[in-house]
Amino acid sequence: MGRLGYVPGGSLLHRLHPVCKLLLLIIYTGVVWTNARLSYGAGLFGILVISHWAAGLGFMGRSRRIISFSIMIFLVQTIFVRQGVPLWEFSLGRVTLAFWSGGLAAGAASVLRFLNTIGSSYLFIATTDPNLLAVALMQAGLPYRQGFMLITALRFVPLFQYELIQIRRAQMAKGIDLEGLRPRQLAAAVRHLLIPLVLSALGKVDSLAISMEGRAFGLHPQRTYRVQCPVSTADWLTLLLFPLLLYGLGRILG
């Protein structure tokens, strides 16, 4: 999975209404977590892979952490779920490990559930412009004061990430070692990084508050929008057909 963030594109998923994609994500995630069948989870994973391909995104491209966590989930389920038929057993000194058929099935189902959840969330983030999502939510009925909080958070997160990198480089240039630290030194290193970052964040928040007050933000109950997000016929059809697709898949694999 590539870098987390919006990836511009012209696919059908990119062109869908942001609120429509949010509802599709909620429906998909709800189905993933309410259905524990292994065959159905595999079918949902197939739909997810096809959706990534249709959107021009690579699935599991550079996701070593996700793969490692999936392996850990599988091993934990396999070792601790003792159901079905015992398949293999071996001893490590005083510890005896046994693998059961039920554990293998539970491990595979848990991994599919994890990958479906992470993959669908990444697909939503990669195909949805965050600013357009906030505007669409506000036009759908979200109060624009709360929408502005969402836009501000989405814009400040990458800025704080960049500033954290700059602060880290400045501290290392001053001779402060921030790598290979012992547990006792970790608290001091965190203090060297967080104090400048918090002071910088407070300064930006203060400037933003003065700017909002100078422009009388929140004075009027409604606001105008430079960008309009109308709901198209394709959005309504997608919202109608997607649950039918999931239901049909469940009937076929049931």
C-alpha atoms as a PDB file:
ATOM      1  CA  MET A   1       0.000   0.000   0.000  1.00  0.00           C
ATOM      2  CA  GLY A   2       1.494   3.264  -1.041  1.00  0.00           C
ATOM      3  CA  ARG A   3       1.837   6.507   0.823  1.00  0.00           C
ATOM      4  CA  LEU A   4      -1.279   7.397   2.772  1.00  0.00           C
ATOM      5  CA  GLY A   5      -3.052  10.327   1.155  1.00  0.00           C
ATOM      6  CA  TYR A   6      -5.148  11.471  -1.766  1.00  0.00           C
ATOM      7  CA  VAL A   7      -3.965  10.260  -5.184  1.00  0.00           C
ATOM      8  CA  PRO A   8      -5.457  12.353  -8.017  1.00  0.00           C
ATOM      9  CA  GLY A   9      -7.012  10.382 -10.852  1.00  0.00           C
ATOM     10  CA  GLY A  10      -9.894  10.191 -13.286  1.00  0.00           C
ATOM     11  CA  SER A  11     -11.386   6.781 -12.458  1.00  0.00           C
ATOM     12  CA  LEU A  12     -15.038   6.187 -11.635  1.00  0.00           C
ATOM     13  CA  LEU A  13     -14.205   5.986  -7.936  1.00  0.00           C
ATOM     14  CA  HIS A  14     -12.445   9.350  -8.123  1.00  0.00           C
ATOM     15  CA  ARG A  15     -15.492  10.929  -9.778  1.00  0.00           C
ATOM     16  CA  LEU A  16     -18.052   9.618  -7.301  1.00  0.00           C
ATOM     17  CA  HIS A  17     -19.555  12.021  -4.788  1.00  0.00           C
ATOM     18  CA  PRO A  18     -17.453  12.065  -1.570  1.00  0.00           C
ATOM     19  CA  VAL A  19     -20.479  11.445   0.662  1.00  0.00           C
ATOM     20  CA  CYS A  20     -21.492   8.560  -1.602  1.00  0.00           C
ATOM     21  CA  LYS A  21     -18.056   6.995  -1.164  1.00  0.00           C
ATOM     22  CA  LEU A  22     -18.277   7.504   2.586  1.00  0.00           C
ATOM     23  CA  LEU A  23     -21.607   5.648   2.674  1.00  0.00           C
ATOM     24  CA  LEU A  24     -20.146   2.857   0.524  1.00  0.00           C
ATOM     25  CA  LEU A  25     -17.240   2.545   2.947  1.00  0.00           C
ATOM     26  CA  ILE A  26     -19.621   2.301   5.915  1.00  0.00           C
ATOM     27  CA  ILE A  27     -21.720  -0.357   4.153  1.00  0.00           C
ATOM     28  CA  TYR A  28     -18.657  -2.374   3.113  1.00  0.00           C
ATOM     29  CA  THR A  29     -17.058  -2.213   6.569  1.00  0.00           C
ATOM     30  CA  GLY A  30     -20.333  -3.182   8.238  1.00  0.00           C
ATOM     31  CA  VAL A  31     -20.659  -6.236   5.985  1.00  0.00           C
ATOM     32  CA  VAL A  32     -17.044  -7.218   6.624  1.00  0.00           C
ATOM     33  CA  TRP A  33     -17.464  -7.181  10.404  1.00  0.00           C
ATOM     34  CA  THR A  34     -20.920  -8.770  10.548  1.00  0.00           C
ATOM     35  CA  ASN A  35     -20.137 -11.763   8.328  1.00  0.00           C
ATOM     36  CA  ALA A  36     -17.476 -14.197   9.495  1.00  0.00           C
ATOM     37  CA  ARG A  37     -17.636 -16.680   6.618  1.00  0.00           C
ATOM     38  CA  LEU A  38     -14.233 -17.333   5.081  1.00  0.00           C
ATOM     39  CA  SER A  39     -15.557 -17.685   1.520  1.00  0.00           C
ATOM     40  CA  TYR A  40     -17.483 -14.410   1.759  1.00  0.00           C
ATOM     41  CA  GLY A  41     -14.428 -12.595   3.139  1.00  0.00           C
ATOM     42  CA  ALA A  42     -12.376 -13.891   0.211  1.00  0.00           C
ATOM     43  CA  GLY A  43     -15.047 -12.674  -2.212  1.00  0.00           C
ATOM     44  CA  LEU A  44     -15.051  -9.219  -0.618  1.00  0.00           C
ATOM     45  CA  PHE A  45     -11.276  -9.161  -0.839  1.00  0.00           C
ATOM     46  CA  GLY A  46     -11.535  -9.929  -4.557  1.00  0.00           C
ATOM     47  CA  ILE A  47     -13.902  -6.980  -5.036  1.00  0.00           C
ATOM     48  CA  LEU A  48     -11.453  -4.796  -3.129  1.00  0.00           C
ATOM     49  CA  VAL A  49      -8.496  -5.819  -5.293  1.00  0.00           C
ATOM     50  CA  ILE A  50     -10.494  -5.149  -8.473  1.00  0.00           C
ATOM     51  CA  SER A  51     -11.523  -1.734  -7.121  1.00  0.00           C
ATOM     52  CA  HIS A  52      -7.892  -0.835  -6.422  1.00  0.00           C
ATOM     53  CA  TRP A  53      -6.956  -1.883  -9.942  1.00  0.00           C
ATOM     54  CA  ALA A  54      -9.854   0.099 -11.470  1.00  0.00           C
ATOM     55  CA  ALA A  55      -8.786   3.202  -9.527  1.00  0.00           C
ATOM     56  CA  GLY A  56      -5.196   2.892 -10.759  1.00  0.00           C
ATOM     57  CA  LEU A  57      -3.818   2.100  -7.310  1.00  0.00           C
ATOM     58  CA  GLY A  58      -1.395  -0.595  -6.290  1.00  0.00           C
ATOM     59  CA  PHE A  59      -2.654  -2.948  -3.581  1.00  0.00           C
ATOM     60  CA  MET A  60      -0.157  -4.123  -0.957  1.00  0.00           C
ATOM     61  CA  GLY A  61       2.633  -2.413  -2.858  1.00  0.00           C
ATOM     62  CA  ARG A  62       4.843  -1.266   0.013  1.00  0.00           C
ATOM     63  CA  SER A  63       2.975  -2.562   3.016  1.00  0.00           C
ATOM     64  CA  ARG A  64       5.509  -4.576   4.977  1.00  0.00           C
ATOM     65  CA  ARG A  65       3.945  -3.539   8.275  1.00  0.00           C
ATOM     66  CA  ILE A  66       0.498  -4.640   7.135  1.00  0.00           C
ATOM     67  CA  ILE A  67       1.827  -7.977   5.911  1.00  0.00           C
ATOM     68  CA  SER A  68       3.752  -8.501   9.149  1.00  0.00           C
ATOM     69  CA  PHE A  69       0.695  -7.654  11.245  1.00  0.00           C
ATOM     70  CA  SER A  70      -1.443 -10.002   9.134  1.00  0.00           C
ATOM     71  CA  ILE A  71       1.012 -12.839   9.731  1.00  0.00           C
ATOM     72  CA  MET A  72       0.943 -12.125  13.460  1.00  0.00           C
ATOM     73  CA  ILE A  73      -2.881 -12.190  13.493  1.00  0.00           C
ATOM     74  CA  PHE A  74      -2.878 -15.490  11.626  1.00  0.00           C
ATOM     75  CA  LEU A  75      -0.354 -17.113  13.965  1.00  0.00           C
ATOM     76  CA  VAL A  76      -2.151 -15.947  17.112  1.00  0.00           C
ATOM     77  CA  GLN A  77      -5.490 -17.265  15.888  1.00  0.00           C
ATOM     78  CA  THR A  78      -3.923 -20.510  14.721  1.00  0.00           C
ATOM     79  CA  ILE A  79      -2.175 -21.185  18.016  1.00  0.00           C
ATOM     80  CA  PHE A  80      -4.878 -20.171  20.491  1.00  0.00           C
ATOM     81  CA  VAL A  81      -8.056 -21.302  18.714  1.00  0.00           C
ATOM     82  CA  ARG A  82      -8.381 -25.008  19.482  1.00  0.00           C
ATOM     83  CA  GLN A  83     -11.384 -26.083  17.464  1.00  0.00           C
ATOM     84  CA  GLY A  84     -11.969 -28.654  14.789  1.00  0.00           C
ATOM     85  CA  VAL A  85      -9.418 -31.361  14.039  1.00  0.00           C
ATOM     86  CA  PRO A  86      -5.815 -31.260  15.320  1.00  0.00           C
ATOM     87  CA  LEU A  87      -3.461 -31.042  12.350  1.00  0.00           C
ATOM     88  CA  TRP A  88       0.039 -30.693  13.778  1.00  0.00           C
ATOM     89  CA  GLU A  89       1.625 -30.643  17.215  1.00  0.00           C
ATOM     90  CA  PHE A  90       5.173 -30.112  18.396  1.00  0.00           C
ATOM     91  CA  SER A  91       6.983 -29.301  21.626  1.00  0.00           C
ATOM     92  CA  LEU A  92       9.387 -26.509  22.494  1.00  0.00           C
ATOM     93  CA  GLY A  93      10.785 -27.642  25.807  1.00  0.00           C
ATOM     94  CA  ARG A  94       7.931 -27.440  28.281  1.00  0.00           C
ATOM     95  CA  VAL A  95       5.682 -25.622  25.829  1.00  0.00           C
ATOM     96  CA  THR A  96       3.520 -27.621  23.445  1.00  0.00           C
ATOM     97  CA  LEU A  97       2.048 -25.962  20.380  1.00  0.00           C
ATOM     98  CA  ALA A  98      -0.803 -27.476  18.393  1.00  0.00           C
ATOM     99  CA  PHE A  99      -2.429 -26.348  15.173  1.00  0.00           C
ATOM    100  CA  TRP A 100      -6.106 -27.093  14.658  1.00  0.00           C
ATOM    101  CA  SER A 101      -8.254 -26.860  11.559  1.00  0.00           C
ATOM    102  CA  GLY A 102     -10.567 -24.399  13.291  1.00  0.00           C
ATOM    103  CA  GLY A 103      -7.602 -22.222  14.181  1.00  0.00           C
ATOM    104  CA  LEU A 104      -6.424 -22.109  10.584  1.00  0.00           C
ATOM    105  CA  ALA A 105      -9.907 -21.106   9.405  1.00  0.00           C
ATOM    106  CA  ALA A 106     -10.235 -18.479  12.142  1.00  0.00           C
ATOM    107  CA  GLY A 107      -6.798 -17.091  11.338  1.00  0.00           C
ATOM    108  CA  ALA A 108      -7.559 -16.818   7.621  1.00  0.00           C
ATOM    109  CA  ALA A 109     -10.927 -15.170   8.340  1.00  0.00           C
ATOM    110  CA  SER A 110      -9.338 -12.660  10.735  1.00  0.00           C
ATOM    111  CA  VAL A 111      -6.626 -11.764   8.232  1.00  0.00           C
ATOM    112  CA  LEU A 112      -9.199 -11.237   5.476  1.00  0.00           C
ATOM    113  CA  ARG A 113     -11.296  -9.080   7.776  1.00  0.00           C
ATOM    114  CA  PHE A 114      -8.244  -6.991   8.669  1.00  0.00           C
ATOM    115  CA  LEU A 115      -7.133  -6.594   5.036  1.00  0.00           C
ATOM    116  CA  ASN A 116     -10.652  -5.743   3.872  1.00  0.00           C
ATOM    117  CA  THR A 117     -10.973  -3.041   6.520  1.00  0.00           C
ATOM    118  CA  ILE A 118      -7.548  -1.507   5.923  1.00  0.00           C
ATOM    119  CA  GLY A 119      -7.779  -1.827   2.134  1.00  0.00           C
ATOM    120  CA  SER A 120     -11.227  -0.234   1.876  1.00  0.00           C
ATOM    121  CA  SER A 121     -10.188   2.651   4.132  1.00  0.00           C
ATOM    122  CA  TYR A 122      -7.083   3.256   2.042  1.00  0.00           C
ATOM    123  CA  LEU A 123      -9.162   3.136  -1.146  1.00  0.00           C
ATOM    124  CA  PHE A 124     -11.493   5.795   0.247  1.00  0.00           C
ATOM    125  CA  ILE A 125      -8.620   8.050   1.312  1.00  0.00           C
ATOM    126  CA  ALA A 126      -6.706   7.630  -1.956  1.00  0.00           C
ATOM    127  CA  THR A 127      -9.702   8.443  -4.193  1.00  0.00           C
ATOM    128  CA  THR A 128     -11.287  11.270  -2.146  1.00  0.00           C
ATOM    129  CA  ASP A 129     -10.024  14.843  -2.065  1.00  0.00           C
ATOM    130  CA  PRO A 130     -10.187  15.790   1.655  1.00  0.00           C
ATOM    131  CA  ASN A 131     -11.147  19.397   0.939  1.00  0.00           C
ATOM    132  CA  LEU A 132     -13.907  18.258  -1.418  1.00  0.00           C
ATOM    133  CA  LEU A 133     -15.084  15.785   1.217  1.00  0.00           C
ATOM    134  CA  ALA A 134     -15.434  18.568   3.785  1.00  0.00           C
ATOM    135  CA  VAL A 135     -17.315  20.781   1.311  1.00  0.00           C
ATOM    136  CA  ALA A 136     -19.611  17.907   0.343  1.00  0.00           C
ATOM    137  CA  LEU A 137     -20.382  17.149   3.994  1.00  0.00           C
ATOM    138  CA  MET A 138     -21.185  20.795   4.647  1.00  0.00           C
ATOM    139  CA  GLN A 139     -23.455  20.973   1.611  1.00  0.00           C
ATOM    140  CA  ALA A 140     -25.140  17.766   2.808  1.00  0.00           C
ATOM    141  CA  GLY A 141     -26.064  19.381   6.121  1.00  0.00           C
ATOM    142  CA  LEU A 142     -22.951  19.422   8.322  1.00  0.00           C
ATOM    143  CA  PRO A 143     -22.654  22.839  10.036  1.00  0.00           C
ATOM    144  CA  TYR A 144     -19.895  24.774   8.331  1.00  0.00           C
ATOM    145  CA  ARG A 145     -18.189  25.508  11.653  1.00  0.00           C
ATOM    146  CA  GLN A 146     -17.586  21.769  12.173  1.00  0.00           C
ATOM    147  CA  GLY A 147     -16.649  21.433   8.504  1.00  0.00           C
ATOM    148  CA  PHE A 148     -14.011  24.112   8.908  1.00  0.00           C
ATOM    149  CA  MET A 149     -12.554  22.146  11.825  1.00  0.00           C
ATOM    150  CA  LEU A 150     -12.218  19.133   9.506  1.00  0.00           C
ATOM    151  CA  ILE A 151     -10.547  21.181   6.765  1.00  0.00           C
ATOM    152  CA  THR A 152      -8.159  22.780   9.275  1.00  0.00           C
ATOM    153  CA  ALA A 153      -7.172  19.408  10.731  1.00  0.00           C
ATOM    154  CA  LEU A 154      -6.558  17.932   7.266  1.00  0.00           C
ATOM    155  CA  ARG A 155      -4.342  20.873   6.307  1.00  0.00           C
ATOM    156  CA  PHE A 156      -2.411  21.046   9.560  1.00  0.00           C
ATOM    157  CA  VAL A 157      -1.495  17.350   9.793  1.00  0.00           C
ATOM    158  CA  PRO A 158       0.974  17.359   6.847  1.00  0.00           C
ATOM    159  CA  LEU A 159       2.291  20.747   7.981  1.00  0.00           C
ATOM    160  CA  PHE A 160       3.061  19.420  11.459  1.00  0.00           C
ATOM    161  CA  GLN A 161       4.677  16.342   9.948  1.00  0.00           C
ATOM    162  CA  TYR A 162       6.983  18.584   7.905  1.00  0.00           C
ATOM    163  CA  GLU A 163       7.792  20.758  10.938  1.00  0.00           C
ATOM    164  CA  LEU A 164       8.546  17.681  13.040  1.00  0.00           C
ATOM    165  CA  ILE A 165      11.103  16.605  10.436  1.00  0.00           C
ATOM    166  CA  GLN A 166      12.685  20.070  10.439  1.00  0.00           C
ATOM    167  CA  ILE A 167      12.825  20.182  14.250  1.00  0.00           C
ATOM    168  CA  ARG A 168      14.390  16.727  14.335  1.00  0.00           C
ATOM    169  CA  ARG A 169      17.070  17.759  11.846  1.00  0.00           C
ATOM    170  CA  ALA A 170      17.774  20.975  13.773  1.00  0.00           C
ATOM    171  CA  GLN A 171      18.178  19.066  17.042  1.00  0.00           C
ATOM    172  CA  MET A 172      20.539  16.580  15.426  1.00  0.00           C
ATOM    173  CA  ALA A 173      22.551  19.456  13.926  1.00  0.00           C
ATOM    174  CA  LYS A 174      22.997  20.796  17.458  1.00  0.00           C
ATOM    175  CA  GLY A 175      24.480  17.474  18.531  1.00  0.00           C
ATOM    176  CA  ILE A 176      21.389  15.978  20.186  1.00  0.00           C
ATOM    177  CA  ASP A 177      21.323  12.266  19.416  1.00  0.00           C
ATOM    178  CA  LEU A 178      17.796  11.078  18.593  1.00  0.00           C
ATOM    179  CA  GLU A 179      18.612   7.594  17.301  1.00  0.00           C
ATOM    180  CA  GLY A 180      19.417   4.407  19.168  1.00  0.00           C
ATOM    181  CA  LEU A 181      18.270   5.830  22.491  1.00  0.00           C
ATOM    182  CA  ARG A 182      17.872   3.923  25.705  1.00  0.00           C
ATOM    183  CA  PRO A 183      14.522   3.990  27.529  1.00  0.00           C
ATOM    184  CA  ARG A 184      15.855   6.509  30.066  1.00  0.00           C
ATOM    185  CA  GLN A 185      16.964   8.862  27.282  1.00  0.00           C
ATOM    186  CA  LEU A 186      13.734   8.559  25.331  1.00  0.00           C
ATOM    187  CA  ALA A 187      11.772  10.966  27.553  1.00  0.00           C
ATOM    188  CA  ALA A 188      14.381  13.693  27.122  1.00  0.00           C
ATOM    189  CA  ALA A 189      14.429  13.178  23.346  1.00  0.00           C
ATOM    190  CA  VAL A 190      10.642  13.410  23.169  1.00  0.00           C
ATOM    191  CA  ARG A 191      10.778  16.637  25.175  1.00  0.00           C
ATOM    192  CA  HIS A 192      13.305  18.127  22.746  1.00  0.00           C
ATOM    193  CA  LEU A 193      10.956  17.354  19.849  1.00  0.00           C
ATOM    194  CA  LEU A 194       7.548  18.084  21.329  1.00  0.00           C
ATOM    195  CA  ILE A 195       8.182  21.417  23.045  1.00  0.00           C
ATOM    196  CA  PRO A 196       9.189  23.255  19.822  1.00  0.00           C
ATOM    197  CA  LEU A 197       6.381  21.507  17.926  1.00  0.00           C
ATOM    198  CA  VAL A 198       3.752  22.498  20.501  1.00  0.00           C
ATOM    199  CA  LEU A 199       4.984  26.112  20.565  1.00  0.00           C
ATOM    200  CA  SER A 200       4.834  26.245  16.778  1.00  0.00           C
ATOM    201  CA  ALA A 201       1.327  24.756  16.772  1.00  0.00           C
ATOM    202  CA  LEU A 202       0.104  27.263  19.372  1.00  0.00           C
ATOM    203  CA  GLY A 203       1.477  30.129  17.283  1.00  0.00           C
ATOM    204  CA  LYS A 204      -0.318  28.907  14.160  1.00  0.00           C
ATOM    205  CA  VAL A 205      -3.565  28.368  16.056  1.00  0.00           C
ATOM    206  CA  ASP A 206      -3.354  31.879  17.501  1.00  0.00           C
ATOM    207  CA  SER A 207      -2.768  33.381  14.045  1.00  0.00           C
ATOM    208  CA  LEU A 208      -5.655  31.386  12.614  1.00  0.00           C
ATOM    209  CA  ALA A 209      -7.990  32.487  15.419  1.00  0.00           C
ATOM    210  CA  ILE A 210      -7.109  36.161  14.838  1.00  0.00           C
ATOM    211  CA  SER A 211      -7.693  35.736  11.097  1.00  0.00           C
ATOM    212  CA  MET A 212     -11.084  34.064  11.657  1.00  0.00           C
ATOM    213  CA  GLU A 213     -12.141  36.769  14.103  1.00  0.00           C
ATOM    214  CA  GLY A 214     -11.088  39.494  11.682  1.00  0.00           C
ATOM    215  CA  ARG A 215     -13.254  37.953   8.962  1.00  0.00           C
ATOM    216  CA  ALA A 216     -16.244  37.486  11.295  1.00  0.00           C
ATOM    217  CA  PHE A 217     -16.226  33.724  10.897  1.00  0.00           C
ATOM    218  CA  GLY A 218     -19.426  32.153  12.238  1.00  0.00           C
ATOM    219  CA  LEU A 219     -21.452  35.369  12.131  1.00  0.00           C
ATOM    220  CA  HIS A 220     -23.996  34.047   9.634  1.00  0.00           C
ATOM    221  CA  PRO A 221     -25.883  30.729   9.956  1.00  0.00           C
ATOM    222  CA  GLN A 222     -25.251  29.826   6.300  1.00  0.00           C
ATOM    223  CA  ARG A 223     -22.369  30.341   3.933  1.00  0.00           C
ATOM    224  CA  THR A 224     -21.736  30.236   0.214  1.00  0.00           C
ATOM    225  CA  TYR A 225     -19.415  27.774  -1.548  1.00  0.00           C
ATOM    226  CA  ARG A 226     -17.018  28.331  -4.370  1.00  0.00           C
ATOM    227  CA  VAL A 227     -17.213  24.637  -5.328  1.00  0.00           C
ATOM    228  CA  GLN A 228     -20.489  22.763  -5.719  1.00  0.00           C
ATOM    229  CA  CYS A 229     -20.791  18.979  -5.214  1.00  0.00           C
ATOM    230  CA  PRO A 230     -24.050  17.854  -6.836  1.00  0.00           C
ATOM    231  CA  VAL A 231     -25.174  14.249  -6.534  1.00  0.00           C
ATOM    232  CA  SER A 232     -25.271  12.667  -9.998  1.00  0.00           C
ATOM    233  CA  THR A 233     -27.294   9.776 -11.373  1.00  0.00           C
ATOM    234  CA  ALA A 234     -24.161   7.593 -11.234  1.00  0.00           C
ATOM    235  CA  ASP A 235     -23.915   8.243  -7.496  1.00  0.00           C
ATOM    236  CA  TRP A 236     -27.502   7.135  -6.871  1.00  0.00           C
ATOM    237  CA  LEU A 237     -27.061   4.050  -9.055  1.00  0.00           C
ATOM    238  CA  THR A 238     -23.875   3.113  -7.219  1.00  0.00           C
ATOM    239  CA  LEU A 239     -25.584   3.450  -3.846  1.00  0.00           C
ATOM    240  CA  LEU A 240     -28.397   1.225  -5.116  1.00  0.00           C
ATOM    241  CA  LEU A 241     -26.350  -1.427  -6.897  1.00  0.00           C
ATOM    242  CA  PHE A 242     -23.502  -1.830  -4.390  1.00  0.00           C
ATOM    243  CA  PRO A 243     -25.647  -3.367  -1.595  1.00  0.00           C
ATOM    244  CA  LEU A 244     -27.271  -5.621  -4.209  1.00  0.00           C
ATOM    245  CA  LEU A 245     -23.800  -6.715  -5.326  1.00  0.00           C
ATOM    246  CA  LEU A 246     -22.806  -7.582  -1.760  1.00  0.00           C
ATOM    247  CA  TYR A 247     -26.080  -9.430  -1.205  1.00  0.00           C
ATOM    248  CA  GLY A 248     -25.698 -11.380  -4.443  1.00  0.00           C
ATOM    249  CA  LEU A 249     -22.116 -12.288  -3.563  1.00  0.00           C
ATOM    250  CA  GLY A 250     -23.284 -13.558  -0.192  1.00  0.00           C
ATOM    251  CA  ARG A 251     -25.955 -15.733  -1.850  1.00  0.00           C
ATOM    252  CA  ILE A 252     -23.478 -17.183  -4.350  1.00  0.00           C
ATOM    253  CA  LEU A 253     -20.788 -17.931  -1.747  1.00  0.00           C
ATOM    254  CA  GLY A 254     -23.259 -18.946   0.949  1.00  0.00           C
END
